[in-house]
Amino acid sequence: MKNLESTMLTFKGKAYPCCASLTMGLIGGKWKTAILFHLMNEKLRYNELRKLMPTVTERTLSLQLKALEEDGLVKRKVYTSKPPLKVEYSLTDFGKTLIPLIQSIANWGDFVVENYS
């Protein structure tokens, strides 16, 4: 842990007041972590992600995938060799560095349901 001086961190042109803020800026919110969780072990198409998260709107899913792609966490691969167009989403190498964190968050969620519901 770094010194508690007020040093701003910068990532992709955005300033963050601390390392936790940077992390939450990249994965925070209701849907980003869920998307990353579903992409941890496999590539998925857009509709497969929609089925795994039935309460997310199409607009929100699209915007969150774009944000994750812009931050370099998710890769979007378009196959144009034959119709219909096929698009797959997967974690980048940078995104894969989040797997232990996402798995810990998921494990804690299971713990809460088992012990505090």
N, C-alpha and C. Protein backbone atom coordinates (compact mmCIF):
# COMPACT_ATOMS: atom_id res chain seq x y z
N MET A 1 0.85 -1.18 0.00
CA MET A 1 0.00 0.00 0.00
C MET A 1 0.89 1.24 0.00
N LYS A 2 0.54 2.19 -0.80
CA LYS A 2 1.36 3.38 -0.94
C LYS A 2 1.10 4.38 0.18
N ASN A 3 1.96 5.35 0.22
CA ASN A 3 1.84 6.46 1.17
C ASN A 3 0.47 7.13 0.99
N LEU A 4 -0.11 7.66 2.04
CA LEU A 4 -1.44 8.25 1.99
C LEU A 4 -1.45 9.69 1.47
N GLU A 5 -0.40 10.10 0.79
CA GLU A 5 -0.38 11.43 0.19
C GLU A 5 -1.44 11.51 -0.90
N SER A 6 -1.89 12.71 -1.19
CA SER A 6 -2.93 12.88 -2.21
C SER A 6 -2.31 12.92 -3.60
N THR A 7 -1.99 11.74 -4.11
CA THR A 7 -1.43 11.60 -5.44
C THR A 7 -2.51 11.00 -6.34
N MET A 8 -2.79 11.69 -7.43
CA MET A 8 -3.78 11.19 -8.37
C MET A 8 -3.14 10.14 -9.28
N LEU A 9 -3.89 9.10 -9.55
CA LEU A 9 -3.45 8.07 -10.48
C LEU A 9 -4.14 8.32 -11.81
N THR A 10 -3.43 8.09 -12.90
CA THR A 10 -4.01 8.30 -14.22
C THR A 10 -3.97 7.01 -15.01
N PHE A 11 -5.10 6.68 -15.63
CA PHE A 11 -5.19 5.51 -16.49
C PHE A 11 -6.05 5.87 -17.70
N LYS A 12 -5.46 5.72 -18.88
CA LYS A 12 -6.16 6.03 -20.14
C LYS A 12 -6.80 7.42 -20.13
N GLY A 13 -6.07 8.39 -19.59
CA GLY A 13 -6.52 9.77 -19.60
C GLY A 13 -7.48 10.16 -18.50
N LYS A 14 -7.87 9.22 -17.65
CA LYS A 14 -8.78 9.53 -16.54
C LYS A 14 -7.99 9.54 -15.24
N ALA A 15 -8.31 10.49 -14.38
CA ALA A 15 -7.62 10.62 -13.09
C ALA A 15 -8.45 9.97 -11.99
N TYR A 16 -7.77 9.28 -11.09
CA TYR A 16 -8.40 8.60 -9.96
C TYR A 16 -7.69 8.99 -8.68
N PRO A 17 -8.43 9.21 -7.59
CA PRO A 17 -7.80 9.65 -6.34
C PRO A 17 -7.02 8.56 -5.61
N CYS A 18 -7.31 7.27 -5.91
CA CYS A 18 -6.58 6.18 -5.25
C CYS A 18 -6.69 4.92 -6.09
N CYS A 19 -5.93 3.91 -5.72
CA CYS A 19 -5.91 2.66 -6.48
C CYS A 19 -7.26 1.95 -6.41
N ALA A 20 -7.96 2.00 -5.28
CA ALA A 20 -9.28 1.37 -5.18
C ALA A 20 -10.28 2.05 -6.10
N SER A 21 -10.18 3.36 -6.20
CA SER A 21 -11.05 4.11 -7.09
C SER A 21 -10.80 3.75 -8.55
N LEU A 22 -9.56 3.56 -8.91
CA LEU A 22 -9.22 3.15 -10.27
C LEU A 22 -9.82 1.78 -10.56
N THR A 23 -9.65 0.84 -9.65
CA THR A 23 -10.20 -0.51 -9.84
C THR A 23 -11.71 -0.45 -10.00
N MET A 24 -12.39 0.29 -9.12
CA MET A 24 -13.85 0.36 -9.20
C MET A 24 -14.30 1.14 -10.44
N GLY A 25 -13.49 2.06 -10.90
CA GLY A 25 -13.80 2.77 -12.13
C GLY A 25 -13.80 1.84 -13.33
N LEU A 26 -12.94 0.82 -13.29
CA LEU A 26 -12.85 -0.13 -14.39
C LEU A 26 -13.89 -1.25 -14.30
N ILE A 27 -14.17 -1.74 -13.09
CA ILE A 27 -15.07 -2.90 -12.97
C ILE A 27 -16.34 -2.61 -12.18
N GLY A 28 -16.48 -1.39 -11.66
CA GLY A 28 -17.61 -1.07 -10.80
C GLY A 28 -18.92 -0.99 -11.56
N GLY A 29 -19.98 -0.92 -10.79
CA GLY A 29 -21.31 -0.87 -11.37
C GLY A 29 -21.96 -2.23 -11.33
N LYS A 30 -23.21 -2.25 -11.68
CA LYS A 30 -24.00 -3.47 -11.57
C LYS A 30 -23.63 -4.53 -12.60
N TRP A 31 -23.21 -4.14 -13.79
CA TRP A 31 -23.08 -5.11 -14.87
C TRP A 31 -21.66 -5.45 -15.29
N LYS A 32 -20.71 -4.56 -15.11
CA LYS A 32 -19.35 -4.85 -15.59
C LYS A 32 -18.78 -6.10 -14.93
N THR A 33 -18.93 -6.22 -13.63
CA THR A 33 -18.39 -7.38 -12.92
C THR A 33 -19.09 -8.65 -13.37
N ALA A 34 -20.39 -8.58 -13.60
CA ALA A 34 -21.14 -9.75 -14.07
C ALA A 34 -20.66 -10.17 -15.46
N ILE A 35 -20.44 -9.21 -16.32
CA ILE A 35 -19.92 -9.53 -17.67
C ILE A 35 -18.56 -10.20 -17.56
N LEU A 36 -17.67 -9.61 -16.77
CA LEU A 36 -16.33 -10.19 -16.60
C LEU A 36 -16.41 -11.59 -16.01
N PHE A 37 -17.31 -11.80 -15.05
CA PHE A 37 -17.49 -13.12 -14.44
C PHE A 37 -17.87 -14.16 -15.50
N HIS A 38 -18.80 -13.82 -16.37
CA HIS A 38 -19.25 -14.77 -17.39
C HIS A 38 -18.20 -15.01 -18.46
N LEU A 39 -17.29 -14.08 -18.65
CA LEU A 39 -16.25 -14.24 -19.66
C LEU A 39 -14.96 -14.87 -19.10
N MET A 40 -14.94 -15.18 -17.81
CA MET A 40 -13.71 -15.71 -17.20
C MET A 40 -13.25 -17.01 -17.85
N ASN A 41 -14.18 -17.88 -18.21
CA ASN A 41 -13.80 -19.22 -18.67
C ASN A 41 -14.07 -19.49 -20.14
N GLU A 42 -14.77 -18.57 -20.82
CA GLU A 42 -15.10 -18.84 -22.21
C GLU A 42 -15.42 -17.57 -22.98
N LYS A 43 -15.32 -17.70 -24.30
CA LYS A 43 -15.75 -16.63 -25.19
C LYS A 43 -17.27 -16.74 -25.31
N LEU A 44 -17.95 -15.60 -25.37
CA LEU A 44 -19.40 -15.62 -25.50
C LEU A 44 -19.86 -14.64 -26.55
N ARG A 45 -20.92 -14.99 -27.22
CA ARG A 45 -21.56 -14.07 -28.15
C ARG A 45 -22.49 -13.16 -27.37
N TYR A 46 -22.87 -12.06 -28.00
CA TYR A 46 -23.73 -11.06 -27.35
C TYR A 46 -25.01 -11.69 -26.79
N ASN A 47 -25.70 -12.49 -27.61
CA ASN A 47 -26.95 -13.09 -27.16
C ASN A 47 -26.76 -14.11 -26.04
N GLU A 48 -25.61 -14.76 -26.01
CA GLU A 48 -25.31 -15.68 -24.91
C GLU A 48 -25.16 -14.90 -23.60
N LEU A 49 -24.50 -13.75 -23.68
CA LEU A 49 -24.39 -12.89 -22.49
C LEU A 49 -25.76 -12.42 -22.04
N ARG A 50 -26.61 -12.03 -22.99
CA ARG A 50 -27.98 -11.57 -22.66
C ARG A 50 -28.76 -12.66 -21.93
N LYS A 51 -28.62 -13.90 -22.38
CA LYS A 51 -29.33 -15.01 -21.74
C LYS A 51 -28.82 -15.26 -20.32
N LEU A 52 -27.54 -15.05 -20.10
CA LEU A 52 -26.95 -15.24 -18.77
C LEU A 52 -27.33 -14.12 -17.81
N MET A 53 -27.70 -12.96 -18.36
CA MET A 53 -28.07 -11.80 -17.55
C MET A 53 -29.41 -11.26 -18.07
N PRO A 54 -30.49 -11.98 -17.81
CA PRO A 54 -31.78 -11.63 -18.43
C PRO A 54 -32.36 -10.28 -18.02
N THR A 55 -31.92 -9.71 -16.92
CA THR A 55 -32.49 -8.43 -16.48
C THR A 55 -31.75 -7.21 -17.02
N VAL A 56 -30.62 -7.41 -17.70
CA VAL A 56 -29.91 -6.27 -18.28
C VAL A 56 -30.59 -5.88 -19.59
N THR A 57 -30.69 -4.59 -19.84
CA THR A 57 -31.26 -4.14 -21.10
C THR A 57 -30.21 -4.25 -22.20
N GLU A 58 -30.67 -4.32 -23.43
CA GLU A 58 -29.73 -4.43 -24.56
C GLU A 58 -28.82 -3.21 -24.62
N ARG A 59 -29.39 -2.04 -24.39
CA ARG A 59 -28.61 -0.80 -24.44
C ARG A 59 -27.52 -0.81 -23.37
N THR A 60 -27.89 -1.19 -22.15
CA THR A 60 -26.92 -1.21 -21.05
C THR A 60 -25.82 -2.23 -21.33
N LEU A 61 -26.18 -3.42 -21.77
CA LEU A 61 -25.17 -4.43 -22.07
C LEU A 61 -24.22 -3.93 -23.15
N SER A 62 -24.76 -3.34 -24.18
CA SER A 62 -23.94 -2.82 -25.27
C SER A 62 -22.99 -1.74 -24.77
N LEU A 63 -23.50 -0.80 -23.97
CA LEU A 63 -22.65 0.28 -23.44
C LEU A 63 -21.57 -0.25 -22.50
N GLN A 64 -21.92 -1.22 -21.65
CA GLN A 64 -20.94 -1.77 -20.71
C GLN A 64 -19.86 -2.56 -21.45
N LEU A 65 -20.24 -3.31 -22.47
CA LEU A 65 -19.25 -4.03 -23.27
C LEU A 65 -18.31 -3.05 -23.97
N LYS A 66 -18.85 -1.96 -24.49
CA LYS A 66 -18.00 -0.94 -25.14
C LYS A 66 -17.03 -0.33 -24.14
N ALA A 67 -17.51 -0.03 -22.93
CA ALA A 67 -16.64 0.56 -21.90
C ALA A 67 -15.53 -0.42 -21.52
N LEU A 68 -15.88 -1.69 -21.35
CA LEU A 68 -14.87 -2.70 -21.00
C LEU A 68 -13.86 -2.88 -22.14
N GLU A 69 -14.34 -2.76 -23.36
CA GLU A 69 -13.45 -2.85 -24.52
C GLU A 69 -12.51 -1.64 -24.58
N GLU A 70 -13.06 -0.45 -24.35
CA GLU A 70 -12.24 0.77 -24.37
C GLU A 70 -11.17 0.75 -23.29
N ASP A 71 -11.48 0.14 -22.14
CA ASP A 71 -10.51 0.06 -21.05
C ASP A 71 -9.51 -1.08 -21.24
N GLY A 72 -9.70 -1.86 -22.31
CA GLY A 72 -8.75 -2.93 -22.63
C GLY A 72 -8.97 -4.22 -21.87
N LEU A 73 -10.13 -4.39 -21.26
CA LEU A 73 -10.42 -5.59 -20.47
C LEU A 73 -11.10 -6.68 -21.29
N VAL A 74 -11.88 -6.27 -22.28
CA VAL A 74 -12.63 -7.20 -23.11
C VAL A 74 -12.26 -6.99 -24.58
N LYS A 75 -12.17 -8.11 -25.29
CA LYS A 75 -11.86 -8.08 -26.72
C LYS A 75 -13.12 -8.47 -27.49
N ARG A 76 -13.40 -7.74 -28.54
CA ARG A 76 -14.55 -8.01 -29.42
C ARG A 76 -13.99 -8.50 -30.74
N LYS A 77 -14.34 -9.72 -31.11
CA LYS A 77 -13.85 -10.27 -32.38
C LYS A 77 -15.04 -10.49 -33.31
N VAL A 78 -14.94 -9.91 -34.50
CA VAL A 78 -16.00 -10.01 -35.50
C VAL A 78 -15.55 -10.99 -36.58
N TYR A 79 -16.41 -11.99 -36.85
CA TYR A 79 -16.16 -12.94 -37.93
C TYR A 79 -17.03 -12.56 -39.11
N THR A 80 -16.40 -12.23 -40.22
CA THR A 80 -17.15 -11.77 -41.40
C THR A 80 -17.02 -12.73 -42.57
N SER A 81 -16.44 -13.90 -42.35
CA SER A 81 -16.18 -14.81 -43.47
C SER A 81 -17.46 -15.28 -44.15
N LYS A 82 -18.52 -15.50 -43.38
CA LYS A 82 -19.79 -15.90 -44.00
C LYS A 82 -20.94 -15.36 -43.17
N PRO A 83 -22.02 -14.99 -43.83
CA PRO A 83 -23.20 -14.51 -43.10
C PRO A 83 -23.84 -15.64 -42.32
N PRO A 84 -24.52 -15.41 -41.23
CA PRO A 84 -24.68 -14.10 -40.60
C PRO A 84 -23.42 -13.70 -39.84
N LEU A 85 -23.30 -12.42 -39.61
CA LEU A 85 -22.17 -11.86 -38.88
C LEU A 85 -22.10 -12.48 -37.50
N LYS A 86 -20.91 -12.83 -37.07
CA LYS A 86 -20.72 -13.44 -35.76
C LYS A 86 -19.76 -12.57 -34.95
N VAL A 87 -20.13 -12.22 -33.72
CA VAL A 87 -19.29 -11.42 -32.84
C VAL A 87 -19.12 -12.17 -31.53
N GLU A 88 -17.87 -12.33 -31.11
CA GLU A 88 -17.56 -12.99 -29.83
C GLU A 88 -16.84 -12.01 -28.92
N TYR A 89 -17.11 -12.14 -27.64
CA TYR A 89 -16.44 -11.34 -26.62
C TYR A 89 -15.61 -12.27 -25.74
N SER A 90 -14.43 -11.81 -25.38
CA SER A 90 -13.55 -12.58 -24.49
C SER A 90 -12.70 -11.60 -23.69
N LEU A 91 -12.07 -12.13 -22.66
CA LEU A 91 -11.16 -11.30 -21.86
C LEU A 91 -9.84 -11.14 -22.60
N THR A 92 -9.28 -9.96 -22.53
CA THR A 92 -7.93 -9.73 -23.04
C THR A 92 -6.95 -10.27 -22.00
N ASP A 93 -5.66 -10.27 -22.33
CA ASP A 93 -4.66 -10.68 -21.33
C ASP A 93 -4.74 -9.77 -20.11
N PHE A 94 -4.94 -8.48 -20.35
CA PHE A 94 -5.10 -7.52 -19.26
C PHE A 94 -6.35 -7.85 -18.45
N GLY A 95 -7.44 -8.18 -19.12
CA GLY A 95 -8.68 -8.54 -18.45
C GLY A 95 -8.52 -9.81 -17.61
N LYS A 96 -7.71 -10.74 -18.09
CA LYS A 96 -7.49 -12.00 -17.36
C LYS A 96 -6.79 -11.77 -16.02
N THR A 97 -6.09 -10.64 -15.88
CA THR A 97 -5.44 -10.35 -14.59
C THR A 97 -6.48 -10.09 -13.51
N LEU A 98 -7.74 -9.84 -13.91
CA LEU A 98 -8.82 -9.61 -12.95
C LEU A 98 -9.47 -10.91 -12.45
N ILE A 99 -9.16 -12.04 -13.06
CA ILE A 99 -9.83 -13.29 -12.69
C ILE A 99 -9.76 -13.58 -11.19
N PRO A 100 -8.60 -13.48 -10.53
CA PRO A 100 -8.59 -13.76 -9.08
C PRO A 100 -9.50 -12.80 -8.30
N LEU A 101 -9.54 -11.54 -8.70
CA LEU A 101 -10.39 -10.57 -8.03
C LEU A 101 -11.87 -10.88 -8.26
N ILE A 102 -12.26 -11.15 -9.49
CA ILE A 102 -13.65 -11.46 -9.82
C ILE A 102 -14.07 -12.75 -9.11
N GLN A 103 -13.19 -13.74 -9.09
CA GLN A 103 -13.50 -15.00 -8.40
C GLN A 103 -13.69 -14.77 -6.91
N SER A 104 -12.86 -13.91 -6.31
CA SER A 104 -13.01 -13.58 -4.88
C SER A 104 -14.33 -12.88 -4.61
N ILE A 105 -14.72 -11.97 -5.50
CA ILE A 105 -16.00 -11.28 -5.34
C ILE A 105 -17.15 -12.28 -5.43
N ALA A 106 -17.07 -13.20 -6.40
CA ALA A 106 -18.11 -14.23 -6.55
C ALA A 106 -18.16 -15.14 -5.32
N ASN A 107 -17.01 -15.54 -4.82
CA ASN A 107 -16.96 -16.40 -3.63
C ASN A 107 -17.58 -15.70 -2.43
N TRP A 108 -17.30 -14.42 -2.27
CA TRP A 108 -17.87 -13.66 -1.16
C TRP A 108 -19.39 -13.58 -1.29
N GLY A 109 -19.88 -13.41 -2.51
CA GLY A 109 -21.32 -13.40 -2.75
C GLY A 109 -21.96 -14.70 -2.34
N ASP A 110 -21.33 -15.84 -2.69
CA ASP A 110 -21.82 -17.15 -2.27
C ASP A 110 -21.83 -17.27 -0.75
N PHE A 111 -20.75 -16.79 -0.11
CA PHE A 111 -20.63 -16.81 1.34
C PHE A 111 -21.77 -16.03 2.00
N VAL A 112 -22.07 -14.87 1.48
CA VAL A 112 -23.14 -14.02 2.03
C VAL A 112 -24.48 -14.74 1.93
N VAL A 113 -24.76 -15.33 0.77
CA VAL A 113 -26.03 -16.03 0.59
C VAL A 113 -26.14 -17.21 1.55
N GLU A 114 -25.06 -17.96 1.71
CA GLU A 114 -25.07 -19.13 2.58
C GLU A 114 -25.17 -18.78 4.07
N ASN A 115 -24.57 -17.67 4.47
CA ASN A 115 -24.45 -17.36 5.90
C ASN A 115 -25.30 -16.22 6.42
N TYR A 116 -25.80 -15.37 5.54
CA TYR A 116 -26.50 -14.18 6.01
C TYR A 116 -27.87 -13.97 5.35
N SER A 117 -28.36 -14.95 4.63
CA SER A 117 -29.68 -14.80 3.99
C SER A 117 -30.79 -15.23 4.92
